Amino acid sequence: MKRHAAAVALALAFGACSGGAASKSDREAATASLQNEAAALKRDGEKMPPSLGVKATWTITSVDVQDQPGNTSQPFTGTIKFRINSQTQESTGPVESNFERSFKYVYDAGIRQWMLKP
């Protein structure tokens, strides 16, 4: 019985040491999920009501995923960056504005989803 208890304790100790790092497949799945989030933001950002008279073009400039070693509940952070071009028609002619926008996320391993960071 003592051997069994020692074996269980040893297995738990090794599991605790190796369980902290997210696997490569977890990171790939999280990266793909963040890329999908970027595409959804682009699609929604470009949907402007015609009554506003604004045409917006969102260009994804980067989707970046970083590891958070030792944080098993939130193993990754992510950033999506856009370059946004907006055009309006004024009485004096077209007006164009360009700016950048970034969104920061954290990946929740429990629900396997990206959560927007405040």
PDB file of N, CA and C in Angstrom:
ATOM      1  N   MET A   1       0.820  -1.188   0.000  1.00  0.00           N
ATOM      2  CA  MET A   1       0.000   0.000   0.000  1.00  0.00           C
ATOM      3  C   MET A   1       0.866   1.255   0.000  1.00  0.00           C
ATOM      4  N   LYS A   2       1.991   1.209   0.751  1.00  0.00           N
ATOM      5  CA  LYS A   2       2.876   2.372   0.788  1.00  0.00           C
ATOM      6  C   LYS A   2       3.467   2.644  -0.592  1.00  0.00           C
ATOM      7  N   ARG A   3       3.792   1.562  -1.338  1.00  0.00           N
ATOM      8  CA  ARG A   3       4.341   1.743  -2.680  1.00  0.00           C
ATOM      9  C   ARG A   3       3.333   2.434  -3.591  1.00  0.00           C
ATOM     10  N   HIS A   4       2.075   2.028  -3.489  1.00  0.00           N
ATOM     11  CA  HIS A   4       1.028   2.613  -4.328  1.00  0.00           C
ATOM     12  C   HIS A   4       0.875   4.107  -4.010  1.00  0.00           C
ATOM     13  N   ALA A   5       0.866   4.466  -2.755  1.00  0.00           N
ATOM     14  CA  ALA A   5       0.741   5.869  -2.351  1.00  0.00           C
ATOM     15  C   ALA A   5       1.942   6.675  -2.835  1.00  0.00           C
ATOM     16  N   ALA A   6       3.132   6.094  -2.748  1.00  0.00           N
ATOM     17  CA  ALA A   6       4.340   6.781  -3.210  1.00  0.00           C
ATOM     18  C   ALA A   6       4.301   6.958  -4.729  1.00  0.00           C
ATOM     19  N   ALA A   7       3.815   5.957  -5.442  1.00  0.00           N
ATOM     20  CA  ALA A   7       3.732   6.043  -6.903  1.00  0.00           C
ATOM     21  C   ALA A   7       2.726   7.125  -7.320  1.00  0.00           C
ATOM     22  N   VAL A   8       1.604   7.206  -6.617  1.00  0.00           N
ATOM     23  CA  VAL A   8       0.603   8.222  -6.915  1.00  0.00           C
ATOM     24  C   VAL A   8       1.167   9.619  -6.640  1.00  0.00           C
ATOM     25  N   ALA A   9       1.848   9.778  -5.519  1.00  0.00           N
ATOM     26  CA  ALA A   9       2.441  11.075  -5.182  1.00  0.00           C
ATOM     27  C   ALA A   9       3.483  11.483  -6.214  1.00  0.00           C
ATOM     28  N   LEU A  10       4.296  10.529  -6.647  1.00  0.00           N
ATOM     29  CA  LEU A  10       5.316  10.811  -7.653  1.00  0.00           C
ATOM     30  C   LEU A  10       4.672  11.194  -8.990  1.00  0.00           C
ATOM     31  N   ALA A  11       3.619  10.498  -9.385  1.00  0.00           N
ATOM     32  CA  ALA A  11       2.930  10.812 -10.639  1.00  0.00           C
ATOM     33  C   ALA A  11       2.308  12.202 -10.574  1.00  0.00           C
ATOM     34  N   LEU A  12       1.724  12.555  -9.445  1.00  0.00           N
ATOM     35  CA  LEU A  12       1.141  13.889  -9.282  1.00  0.00           C
ATOM     36  C   LEU A  12       2.215  14.970  -9.347  1.00  0.00           C
ATOM     37  N   ALA A  13       3.358  14.707  -8.736  1.00  0.00           N
ATOM     38  CA  ALA A  13       4.438  15.689  -8.753  1.00  0.00           C
ATOM     39  C   ALA A  13       4.950  15.923 -10.170  1.00  0.00           C
ATOM     40  N   PHE A  14       5.152  14.837 -10.932  1.00  0.00           N
ATOM     41  CA  PHE A  14       5.601  14.991 -12.315  1.00  0.00           C
ATOM     42  C   PHE A  14       4.534  15.666 -13.168  1.00  0.00           C
ATOM     43  N   GLY A  15       3.280  15.348 -12.949  1.00  0.00           N
ATOM     44  CA  GLY A  15       2.184  15.966 -13.693  1.00  0.00           C
ATOM     45  C   GLY A  15       2.112  17.454 -13.431  1.00  0.00           C
ATOM     46  N   ALA A  16       2.334  17.872 -12.208  1.00  0.00           N
ATOM     47  CA  ALA A  16       2.290  19.292 -11.867  1.00  0.00           C
ATOM     48  C   ALA A  16       3.432  20.044 -12.539  1.00  0.00           C
ATOM     49  N   CYS A  17       4.585  19.414 -12.663  1.00  0.00           N
ATOM     50  CA  CYS A  17       5.731  20.080 -13.287  1.00  0.00           C
ATOM     51  C   CYS A  17       5.561  20.211 -14.794  1.00  0.00           C
ATOM     52  N   SER A  18       5.028  19.179 -15.436  1.00  0.00           N
ATOM     53  CA  SER A  18       4.948  19.206 -16.887  1.00  0.00           C
ATOM     54  C   SER A  18       3.646  19.805 -17.397  1.00  0.00           C
ATOM     55  N   GLY A  19       2.651  19.999 -16.544  1.00  0.00           N
ATOM     56  CA  GLY A  19       1.356  20.471 -16.989  1.00  0.00           C
ATOM     57  C   GLY A  19       1.278  21.965 -17.210  1.00  0.00           C
ATOM     58  N   GLY A  20       2.330  22.710 -16.928  1.00  0.00           N
ATOM     59  CA  GLY A  20       2.267  24.160 -17.023  1.00  0.00           C
ATOM     60  C   GLY A  20       2.376  24.714 -18.427  1.00  0.00           C
ATOM     61  N   ALA A  21       3.001  23.998 -19.333  1.00  0.00           N
ATOM     62  CA  ALA A  21       3.229  24.535 -20.673  1.00  0.00           C
ATOM     63  C   ALA A  21       2.120  24.089 -21.620  1.00  0.00           C
ATOM     64  N   ALA A  22       1.655  25.015 -22.427  1.00  0.00           N
ATOM     65  CA  ALA A  22       0.652  24.690 -23.431  1.00  0.00           C
ATOM     66  C   ALA A  22       1.340  23.968 -24.589  1.00  0.00           C
ATOM     67  N   SER A  23       0.623  23.033 -25.203  1.00  0.00           N
ATOM     68  CA  SER A  23       1.211  22.263 -26.296  1.00  0.00           C
ATOM     69  C   SER A  23       1.225  23.082 -27.588  1.00  0.00           C
ATOM     70  N   LYS A  24       1.993  22.602 -28.546  1.00  0.00           N
ATOM     71  CA  LYS A  24       2.090  23.267 -29.846  1.00  0.00           C
ATOM     72  C   LYS A  24       0.722  23.271 -30.524  1.00  0.00           C
ATOM     73  N   SER A  25      -0.021  22.169 -30.402  1.00  0.00           N
ATOM     74  CA  SER A  25      -1.344  22.114 -31.041  1.00  0.00           C
ATOM     75  C   SER A  25      -2.317  23.075 -30.365  1.00  0.00           C
ATOM     76  N   ASP A  26      -2.183  23.284 -29.045  1.00  0.00           N
ATOM     77  CA  ASP A  26      -3.019  24.271 -28.350  1.00  0.00           C
ATOM     78  C   ASP A  26      -2.732  25.666 -28.884  1.00  0.00           C
ATOM     79  N   ARG A  27      -1.452  25.965 -29.059  1.00  0.00           N
ATOM     80  CA  ARG A  27      -1.059  27.286 -29.571  1.00  0.00           C
ATOM     81  C   ARG A  27      -1.554  27.487 -31.005  1.00  0.00           C
ATOM     82  N   GLU A  28      -1.444  26.450 -31.841  1.00  0.00           N
ATOM     83  CA  GLU A  28      -1.914  26.550 -33.226  1.00  0.00           C
ATOM     84  C   GLU A  28      -3.428  26.776 -33.268  1.00  0.00           C
ATOM     85  N   ALA A  29      -4.163  26.063 -32.416  1.00  0.00           N
ATOM     86  CA  ALA A  29      -5.618  26.234 -32.372  1.00  0.00           C
ATOM     87  C   ALA A  29      -5.984  27.633 -31.878  1.00  0.00           C
ATOM     88  N   ALA A  30      -5.258  28.122 -30.877  1.00  0.00           N
ATOM     89  CA  ALA A  30      -5.513  29.466 -30.358  1.00  0.00           C
ATOM     90  C   ALA A  30      -5.184  30.526 -31.408  1.00  0.00           C
ATOM     91  N   THR A  31      -4.106  30.329 -32.160  1.00  0.00           N
ATOM     92  CA  THR A  31      -3.726  31.278 -33.212  1.00  0.00           C
ATOM     93  C   THR A  31      -4.792  31.310 -34.303  1.00  0.00           C
ATOM     94  N   ALA A  32      -5.266  30.148 -34.723  1.00  0.00           N
ATOM     95  CA  ALA A  32      -6.319  30.090 -35.739  1.00  0.00           C
ATOM     96  C   ALA A  32      -7.588  30.777 -35.239  1.00  0.00           C
ATOM     97  N   SER A  33      -7.905  30.573 -33.978  1.00  0.00           N
ATOM     98  CA  SER A  33      -9.085  31.207 -33.390  1.00  0.00           C
ATOM     99  C   SER A  33      -8.947  32.731 -33.363  1.00  0.00           C
ATOM    100  N   LEU A  34      -7.751  33.236 -33.054  1.00  0.00           N
ATOM    101  CA  LEU A  34      -7.530  34.687 -33.034  1.00  0.00           C
ATOM    102  C   LEU A  34      -7.578  35.256 -34.462  1.00  0.00           C
ATOM    103  N   GLN A  35      -7.107  34.507 -35.429  1.00  0.00           N
ATOM    104  CA  GLN A  35      -7.207  34.938 -36.828  1.00  0.00           C
ATOM    105  C   GLN A  35      -8.672  35.036 -37.256  1.00  0.00           C
ATOM    106  N   ASN A  36      -9.496  34.093 -36.798  1.00  0.00           N
ATOM    107  CA  ASN A  36     -10.933  34.151 -37.080  1.00  0.00           C
ATOM    108  C   ASN A  36     -11.568  35.375 -36.418  1.00  0.00           C
ATOM    109  N   GLU A  37     -11.133  35.689 -35.205  1.00  0.00           N
ATOM    110  CA  GLU A  37     -11.620  36.879 -34.503  1.00  0.00           C
ATOM    111  C   GLU A  37     -11.251  38.141 -35.279  1.00  0.00           C
ATOM    112  N   ALA A  38     -10.031  38.186 -35.818  1.00  0.00           N
ATOM    113  CA  ALA A  38      -9.594  39.340 -36.613  1.00  0.00           C
ATOM    114  C   ALA A  38     -10.466  39.492 -37.856  1.00  0.00           C
ATOM    115  N   ALA A  39     -10.766  38.394 -38.527  1.00  0.00           N
ATOM    116  CA  ALA A  39     -11.607  38.443 -39.722  1.00  0.00           C
ATOM    117  C   ALA A  39     -13.019  38.927 -39.373  1.00  0.00           C
ATOM    118  N   ALA A  40     -13.547  38.507 -38.225  1.00  0.00           N
ATOM    119  CA  ALA A  40     -14.881  38.953 -37.799  1.00  0.00           C
ATOM    120  C   ALA A  40     -14.880  40.445 -37.475  1.00  0.00           C
ATOM    121  N   LEU A  41     -13.825  40.922 -36.806  1.00  0.00           N
ATOM    122  CA  LEU A  41     -13.725  42.355 -36.509  1.00  0.00           C
ATOM    123  C   LEU A  41     -13.660  43.166 -37.798  1.00  0.00           C
ATOM    124  N   LYS A  42     -12.894  42.686 -38.765  1.00  0.00           N
ATOM    125  CA  LYS A  42     -12.773  43.366 -40.063  1.00  0.00           C
ATOM    126  C   LYS A  42     -14.133  43.434 -40.742  1.00  0.00           C
ATOM    127  N   ARG A  43     -14.811  42.301 -40.808  1.00  0.00           N
ATOM    128  CA  ARG A  43     -16.126  42.233 -41.458  1.00  0.00           C
ATOM    129  C   ARG A  43     -17.115  43.190 -40.789  1.00  0.00           C
ATOM    130  N   ASP A  44     -17.178  43.145 -39.461  1.00  0.00           N
ATOM    131  CA  ASP A  44     -18.124  43.991 -38.731  1.00  0.00           C
ATOM    132  C   ASP A  44     -17.744  45.473 -38.807  1.00  0.00           C
ATOM    133  N   GLY A  45     -16.445  45.757 -38.794  1.00  0.00           N
ATOM    134  CA  GLY A  45     -15.984  47.138 -38.861  1.00  0.00           C
ATOM    135  C   GLY A  45     -16.273  47.797 -40.190  1.00  0.00           C
ATOM    136  N   GLU A  46     -16.349  46.999 -41.249  1.00  0.00           N
ATOM    137  CA  GLU A  46     -16.594  47.539 -42.581  1.00  0.00           C
ATOM    138  C   GLU A  46     -18.084  47.671 -42.893  1.00  0.00           C
ATOM    139  N   LYS A  47     -18.937  47.183 -41.994  1.00  0.00           N
ATOM    140  CA  LYS A  47     -20.390  47.300 -42.186  1.00  0.00           C
ATOM    141  C   LYS A  47     -20.861  48.636 -41.629  1.00  0.00           C
ATOM    142  N   MET A  48     -20.877  49.614 -42.475  1.00  0.00           N
ATOM    143  CA  MET A  48     -21.330  50.944 -42.063  1.00  0.00           C
ATOM    144  C   MET A  48     -22.697  51.212 -42.693  1.00  0.00           C
ATOM    145  N   PRO A  49     -23.629  51.758 -41.924  1.00  0.00           N
ATOM    146  CA  PRO A  49     -24.928  52.105 -42.513  1.00  0.00           C
ATOM    147  C   PRO A  49     -24.741  53.140 -43.625  1.00  0.00           C
ATOM    148  N   PRO A  50     -25.355  52.929 -44.774  1.00  0.00           N
ATOM    149  CA  PRO A  50     -25.206  53.872 -45.890  1.00  0.00           C
ATOM    150  C   PRO A  50     -25.615  55.299 -45.518  1.00  0.00           C
ATOM    151  N   SER A  51     -26.520  55.434 -44.569  1.00  0.00           N
ATOM    152  CA  SER A  51     -26.987  56.771 -44.185  1.00  0.00           C
ATOM    153  C   SER A  51     -25.872  57.616 -43.567  1.00  0.00           C
ATOM    154  N   LEU A  52     -24.825  56.986 -43.062  1.00  0.00           N
ATOM    155  CA  LEU A  52     -23.701  57.733 -42.484  1.00  0.00           C
ATOM    156  C   LEU A  52     -22.785  58.312 -43.558  1.00  0.00           C
ATOM    157  N   GLY A  53     -22.819  57.734 -44.739  1.00  0.00           N
ATOM    158  CA  GLY A  53     -21.974  58.230 -45.825  1.00  0.00           C
ATOM    159  C   GLY A  53     -20.497  57.977 -45.628  1.00  0.00           C
ATOM    160  N   VAL A  54     -20.174  56.954 -44.865  1.00  0.00           N
ATOM    161  CA  VAL A  54     -18.777  56.620 -44.581  1.00  0.00           C
ATOM    162  C   VAL A  54     -18.458  55.261 -45.188  1.00  0.00           C
ATOM    163  N   LYS A  55     -17.331  55.182 -45.868  1.00  0.00           N
ATOM    164  CA  LYS A  55     -16.825  53.902 -46.360  1.00  0.00           C
ATOM    165  C   LYS A  55     -15.544  53.615 -45.599  1.00  0.00           C
ATOM    166  N   ALA A  56     -15.522  52.494 -44.877  1.00  0.00           N
ATOM    167  CA  ALA A  56     -14.350  52.131 -44.085  1.00  0.00           C
ATOM    168  C   ALA A  56     -13.733  50.853 -44.628  1.00  0.00           C
ATOM    169  N   THR A  57     -12.410  50.841 -44.707  1.00  0.00           N
ATOM    170  CA  THR A  57     -11.665  49.653 -45.111  1.00  0.00           C
ATOM    171  C   THR A  57     -10.703  49.302 -43.979  1.00  0.00           C
ATOM    172  N   TRP A  58     -10.910  48.120 -43.393  1.00  0.00           N
ATOM    173  CA  TRP A  58     -10.052  47.644 -42.306  1.00  0.00           C
ATOM    174  C   TRP A  58      -9.053  46.653 -42.897  1.00  0.00           C
ATOM    175  N   THR A  59      -7.773  46.924 -42.720  1.00  0.00           N
ATOM    176  CA  THR A  59      -6.715  46.026 -43.185  1.00  0.00           C
ATOM    177  C   THR A  59      -6.020  45.424 -41.962  1.00  0.00           C
ATOM    178  N   ILE A  60      -6.017  44.097 -41.891  1.00  0.00           N
ATOM    179  CA  ILE A  60      -5.343  43.414 -40.788  1.00  0.00           C
ATOM    180  C   ILE A  60      -3.842  43.542 -41.023  1.00  0.00           C
ATOM    181  N   THR A  61      -3.143  44.181 -40.081  1.00  0.00           N
ATOM    182  CA  THR A  61      -1.695  44.325 -40.247  1.00  0.00           C
ATOM    183  C   THR A  61      -0.922  43.273 -39.462  1.00  0.00           C
ATOM    184  N   SER A  62      -1.505  42.764 -38.357  1.00  0.00           N
ATOM    185  CA  SER A  62      -0.833  41.675 -37.637  1.00  0.00           C
ATOM    186  C   SER A  62      -1.789  40.983 -36.675  1.00  0.00           C
ATOM    187  N   VAL A  63      -1.522  39.699 -36.494  1.00  0.00           N
ATOM    188  CA  VAL A  63      -2.188  38.878 -35.476  1.00  0.00           C
ATOM    189  C   VAL A  63      -1.049  38.192 -34.734  1.00  0.00           C
ATOM    190  N   ASP A  64      -0.879  38.535 -33.463  1.00  0.00           N
ATOM    191  CA  ASP A  64       0.274  38.070 -32.691  1.00  0.00           C
ATOM    192  C   ASP A  64      -0.188  37.310 -31.453  1.00  0.00           C
ATOM    193  N   VAL A  65       0.366  36.127 -31.228  1.00  0.00           N
ATOM    194  CA  VAL A  65       0.062  35.311 -30.049  1.00  0.00           C
ATOM    195  C   VAL A  65       1.348  35.130 -29.253  1.00  0.00           C
ATOM    196  N   GLN A  66       1.286  35.411 -27.949  1.00  0.00           N
ATOM    197  CA  GLN A  66       2.428  35.259 -27.049  1.00  0.00           C
ATOM    198  C   GLN A  66       2.084  34.252 -25.952  1.00  0.00           C
ATOM    199  N   ASP A  67       3.077  33.429 -25.569  1.00  0.00           N
ATOM    200  CA  ASP A  67       2.905  32.482 -24.470  1.00  0.00           C
ATOM    201  C   ASP A  67       2.935  33.207 -23.125  1.00  0.00           C
ATOM    202  N   GLN A  68       2.208  32.653 -22.172  1.00  0.00           N
ATOM    203  CA  GLN A  68       2.281  33.094 -20.777  1.00  0.00           C
ATOM    204  C   GLN A  68       2.692  31.878 -19.945  1.00  0.00           C
ATOM    205  N   PRO A  69       3.987  31.582 -19.877  1.00  0.00           N
ATOM    206  CA  PRO A  69       4.443  30.389 -19.155  1.00  0.00           C
ATOM    207  C   PRO A  69       3.966  30.401 -17.704  1.00  0.00           C
ATOM    208  N   GLY A  70       3.550  29.230 -17.248  1.00  0.00           N
ATOM    209  CA  GLY A  70       3.112  29.090 -15.860  1.00  0.00           C
ATOM    210  C   GLY A  70       1.668  29.481 -15.617  1.00  0.00           C
ATOM    211  N   ASN A  71       0.979  30.004 -16.609  1.00  0.00           N
ATOM    212  CA  ASN A  71      -0.412  30.407 -16.445  1.00  0.00           C
ATOM    213  C   ASN A  71      -1.277  29.413 -17.222  1.00  0.00           C
ATOM    214  N   THR A  72      -1.703  28.343 -16.555  1.00  0.00           N
ATOM    215  CA  THR A  72      -2.451  27.295 -17.246  1.00  0.00           C
ATOM    216  C   THR A  72      -3.877  27.715 -17.589  1.00  0.00           C
ATOM    217  N   SER A  73      -4.466  28.623 -16.816  1.00  0.00           N
ATOM    218  CA  SER A  73      -5.838  29.039 -17.111  1.00  0.00           C
ATOM    219  C   SER A  73      -5.897  30.033 -18.266  1.00  0.00           C
ATOM    220  N   GLN A  74      -4.833  30.823 -18.453  1.00  0.00           N
ATOM    221  CA  GLN A  74      -4.749  31.769 -19.561  1.00  0.00           C
ATOM    222  C   GLN A  74      -3.351  31.672 -20.179  1.00  0.00           C
ATOM    223  N   PRO A  75      -3.119  30.607 -20.969  1.00  0.00           N
ATOM    224  CA  PRO A  75      -1.762  30.334 -21.457  1.00  0.00           C
ATOM    225  C   PRO A  75      -1.247  31.288 -22.537  1.00  0.00           C
ATOM    226  N   PHE A  76      -2.129  32.097 -23.150  1.00  0.00           N
ATOM    227  CA  PHE A  76      -1.699  32.976 -24.238  1.00  0.00           C
ATOM    228  C   PHE A  76      -2.310  34.365 -24.111  1.00  0.00           C
ATOM    229  N   THR A  77      -1.588  35.344 -24.618  1.00  0.00           N
ATOM    230  CA  THR A  77      -2.151  36.667 -24.847  1.00  0.00           C
ATOM    231  C   THR A  77      -2.059  36.913 -26.347  1.00  0.00           C
ATOM    232  N   GLY A  78      -2.909  37.777 -26.843  1.00  0.00           N
ATOM    233  CA  GLY A  78      -2.902  38.041 -28.270  1.00  0.00           C
ATOM    234  C   GLY A  78      -3.199  39.494 -28.572  1.00  0.00           C
ATOM    235  N   THR A  79      -2.718  39.934 -29.718  1.00  0.00           N
ATOM    236  CA  THR A  79      -2.968  41.291 -30.186  1.00  0.00           C
ATOM    237  C   THR A  79      -3.331  41.244 -31.661  1.00  0.00           C
ATOM    238  N   ILE A  80      -4.395  41.967 -32.011  1.00  0.00           N
ATOM    239  CA  ILE A  80      -4.790  42.132 -33.407  1.00  0.00           C
ATOM    240  C   ILE A  80      -4.611  43.607 -33.731  1.00  0.00           C
ATOM    241  N   LYS A  81      -3.903  43.888 -34.833  1.00  0.00           N
ATOM    242  CA  LYS A  81      -3.684  45.275 -35.248  1.00  0.00           C
ATOM    243  C   LYS A  81      -4.289  45.501 -36.630  1.00  0.00           C
ATOM    244  N   PHE A  82      -4.938  46.661 -36.771  1.00  0.00           N
ATOM    245  CA  PHE A  82      -5.566  47.056 -38.032  1.00  0.00           C
ATOM    246  C   PHE A  82      -5.062  48.421 -38.477  1.00  0.00           C
ATOM    247  N   ARG A  83      -5.065  48.633 -39.780  1.00  0.00           N
ATOM    248  CA  ARG A  83      -4.930  49.959 -40.365  1.00  0.00           C
ATOM    249  C   ARG A  83      -6.299  50.239 -40.991  1.00  0.00           C
ATOM    250  N   ILE A  84      -6.908  51.332 -40.579  1.00  0.00           N
ATOM    251  CA  ILE A  84      -8.267  51.643 -41.016  1.00  0.00           C
ATOM    252  C   ILE A  84      -8.245  52.895 -41.888  1.00  0.00           C
ATOM    253  N   ASN A  85      -8.867  52.779 -43.034  1.00  0.00           N
ATOM    254  CA  ASN A  85      -9.012  53.910 -43.955  1.00  0.00           C
ATOM    255  C   ASN A  85     -10.500  54.224 -44.028  1.00  0.00           C
ATOM    256  N   SER A  86     -10.865  55.473 -43.710  1.00  0.00           N
ATOM    257  CA  SER A  86     -12.262  55.858 -43.811  1.00  0.00           C
ATOM    258  C   SER A  86     -12.382  57.005 -44.790  1.00  0.00           C
ATOM    259  N   GLN A  87     -13.428  56.946 -45.606  1.00  0.00           N
ATOM    260  CA  GLN A  87     -13.660  57.963 -46.624  1.00  0.00           C
ATOM    261  C   GLN A  87     -15.086  58.484 -46.504  1.00  0.00           C
ATOM    262  N   THR A  88     -15.222  59.798 -46.548  1.00  0.00           N
ATOM    263  CA  THR A  88     -16.531  60.437 -46.554  1.00  0.00           C
ATOM    264  C   THR A  88     -16.573  61.447 -47.695  1.00  0.00           C
ATOM    265  N   GLN A  89     -17.759  61.741 -48.125  1.00  0.00           N
ATOM    266  CA  GLN A  89     -17.934  62.728 -49.189  1.00  0.00           C
ATOM    267  C   GLN A  89     -18.499  64.000 -48.557  1.00  0.00           C
ATOM    268  N   GLU A  90     -17.715  65.060 -48.585  1.00  0.00           N
ATOM    269  CA  GLU A  90     -18.139  66.362 -48.059  1.00  0.00           C
ATOM    270  C   GLU A  90     -18.468  67.287 -49.226  1.00  0.00           C
ATOM    271  N   SER A  91     -19.028  68.423 -48.914  1.00  0.00           N
ATOM    272  CA  SER A  91     -19.380  69.384 -49.974  1.00  0.00           C
ATOM    273  C   SER A  91     -18.137  69.898 -50.698  1.00  0.00           C
ATOM    274  N   THR A  92     -17.010  69.865 -50.016  1.00  0.00           N
ATOM    275  CA  THR A  92     -15.755  70.324 -50.624  1.00  0.00           C
ATOM    276  C   THR A  92     -15.020  69.205 -51.364  1.00  0.00           C
ATOM    277  N   GLY A  93     -15.548  68.002 -51.286  1.00  0.00           N
ATOM    278  CA  GLY A  93     -14.918  66.862 -51.951  1.00  0.00           C
ATOM    279  C   GLY A  93     -14.702  65.716 -50.969  1.00  0.00           C
ATOM    280  N   PRO A  94     -14.037  64.673 -51.434  1.00  0.00           N
ATOM    281  CA  PRO A  94     -13.816  63.510 -50.560  1.00  0.00           C
ATOM    282  C   PRO A  94     -12.820  63.826 -49.435  1.00  0.00           C
ATOM    283  N   VAL A  95     -13.107  63.254 -48.261  1.00  0.00           N
ATOM    284  CA  VAL A  95     -12.214  63.397 -47.105  1.00  0.00           C
ATOM    285  C   VAL A  95     -11.795  61.995 -46.685  1.00  0.00           C
ATOM    286  N   GLU A  96     -10.495  61.825 -46.567  1.00  0.00           N
ATOM    287  CA  GLU A  96      -9.948  60.510 -46.219  1.00  0.00           C
ATOM    288  C   GLU A  96      -9.198  60.603 -44.896  1.00  0.00           C
ATOM    289  N   SER A  97      -9.372  59.582 -44.075  1.00  0.00           N
ATOM    290  CA  SER A  97      -8.688  59.527 -42.790  1.00  0.00           C
ATOM    291  C   SER A  97      -8.097  58.134 -42.620  1.00  0.00           C
ATOM    292  N   ASN A  98      -6.846  58.062 -42.183  1.00  0.00           N
ATOM    293  CA  ASN A  98      -6.167  56.788 -41.924  1.00  0.00           C
ATOM    294  C   ASN A  98      -5.704  56.757 -40.481  1.00  0.00           C
ATOM    295  N   PHE A  99      -5.943  55.639 -39.819  1.00  0.00           N
ATOM    296  CA  PHE A  99      -5.467  55.485 -38.454  1.00  0.00           C
ATOM    297  C   PHE A  99      -5.287  54.004 -38.144  1.00  0.00           C
ATOM    298  N   GLU A 100      -4.624  53.736 -37.016  1.00  0.00           N
ATOM    299  CA  GLU A 100      -4.382  52.348 -36.594  1.00  0.00           C
ATOM    300  C   GLU A 100      -5.161  52.068 -35.327  1.00  0.00           C
ATOM    301  N   ARG A 101      -5.550  50.818 -35.177  1.00  0.00           N
ATOM    302  CA  ARG A 101      -6.295  50.396 -33.997  1.00  0.00           C
ATOM    303  C   ARG A 101      -5.804  49.017 -33.613  1.00  0.00           C
ATOM    304  N   SER A 102      -5.629  48.775 -32.313  1.00  0.00           N
ATOM    305  CA  SER A 102      -5.227  47.440 -31.863  1.00  0.00           C
ATOM    306  C   SER A 102      -6.168  46.959 -30.774  1.00  0.00           C
ATOM    307  N   PHE A 103      -6.334  45.647 -30.720  1.00  0.00           N
ATOM    308  CA  PHE A 103      -7.189  44.991 -29.741  1.00  0.00           C
ATOM    309  C   PHE A 103      -6.346  43.947 -29.017  1.00  0.00           C
ATOM    310  N   LYS A 104      -6.399  43.949 -27.691  1.00  0.00           N
ATOM    311  CA  LYS A 104      -5.628  43.001 -26.880  1.00  0.00           C
ATOM    312  C   LYS A 104      -6.570  41.951 -26.301  1.00  0.00           C
ATOM    313  N   TYR A 105      -6.097  40.711 -26.334  1.00  0.00           N
ATOM    314  CA  TYR A 105      -6.899  39.576 -25.882  1.00  0.00           C
ATOM    315  C   TYR A 105      -6.101  38.698 -24.933  1.00  0.00           C
ATOM    316  N   VAL A 106      -6.844  37.881 -24.181  1.00  0.00           N
ATOM    317  CA  VAL A 106      -6.248  36.818 -23.384  1.00  0.00           C
ATOM    318  C   VAL A 106      -7.049  35.548 -23.697  1.00  0.00           C
ATOM    319  N   TYR A 107      -6.349  34.408 -23.818  1.00  0.00           N
ATOM    320  CA  TYR A 107      -6.996  33.147 -24.173  1.00  0.00           C
ATOM    321  C   TYR A 107      -7.383  32.403 -22.904  1.00  0.00           C
ATOM    322  N   ASP A 108      -8.662  32.100 -22.755  1.00  0.00           N
ATOM    323  CA  ASP A 108      -9.159  31.351 -21.596  1.00  0.00           C
ATOM    324  C   ASP A 108      -9.169  29.868 -21.965  1.00  0.00           C
ATOM    325  N   ALA A 109      -8.293  29.091 -21.338  1.00  0.00           N
ATOM    326  CA  ALA A 109      -8.148  27.664 -21.666  1.00  0.00           C
ATOM    327  C   ALA A 109      -9.379  26.864 -21.258  1.00  0.00           C
ATOM    328  N   GLY A 110     -10.090  27.298 -20.214  1.00  0.00           N
ATOM    329  CA  GLY A 110     -11.271  26.571 -19.747  1.00  0.00           C
ATOM    330  C   GLY A 110     -12.390  26.560 -20.774  1.00  0.00           C
ATOM    331  N   ILE A 111     -12.631  27.676 -21.414  1.00  0.00           N
ATOM    332  CA  ILE A 111     -13.706  27.758 -22.405  1.00  0.00           C
ATOM    333  C   ILE A 111     -13.171  27.775 -23.838  1.00  0.00           C
ATOM    334  N   ARG A 112     -11.837  27.783 -23.966  1.00  0.00           N
ATOM    335  CA  ARG A 112     -11.159  27.761 -25.267  1.00  0.00           C
ATOM    336  C   ARG A 112     -11.616  28.905 -26.168  1.00  0.00           C
ATOM    337  N   GLN A 113     -11.613  30.113 -25.581  1.00  0.00           N
ATOM    338  CA  GLN A 113     -11.996  31.303 -26.337  1.00  0.00           C
ATOM    339  C   GLN A 113     -11.113  32.473 -25.951  1.00  0.00           C
ATOM    340  N   TRP A 114     -10.983  33.409 -26.894  1.00  0.00           N
ATOM    341  CA  TRP A 114     -10.275  34.649 -26.645  1.00  0.00           C
ATOM    342  C   TRP A 114     -11.216  35.630 -25.971  1.00  0.00           C
ATOM    343  N   MET A 115     -10.726  36.309 -24.955  1.00  0.00           N
ATOM    344  CA  MET A 115     -11.507  37.322 -24.230  1.00  0.00           C
ATOM    345  C   MET A 115     -10.811  38.663 -24.426  1.00  0.00           C
ATOM    346  N   LEU A 116     -11.586  39.679 -24.769  1.00  0.00           N
ATOM    347  CA  LEU A 116     -11.047  41.020 -24.971  1.00  0.00           C
ATOM    348  C   LEU A 116     -10.542  41.576 -23.636  1.00  0.00           C
ATOM    349  N   LYS A 117      -9.305  42.074 -23.640  1.00  0.00           N
ATOM    350  CA  LYS A 117      -8.733  42.669 -22.431  1.00  0.00           C
ATOM    351  C   LYS A 117      -9.189  44.120 -22.329  1.00  0.00           C
ATOM    352  N   PRO A 118      -9.563  44.547 -21.134  1.00  0.00           N
ATOM    353  CA  PRO A 118      -9.960  45.958 -20.978  1.00  0.00           C
ATOM    354  C   PRO A 118      -8.786  46.895 -21.126  1.00  0.00           C
TER     355      PRO A 118
END
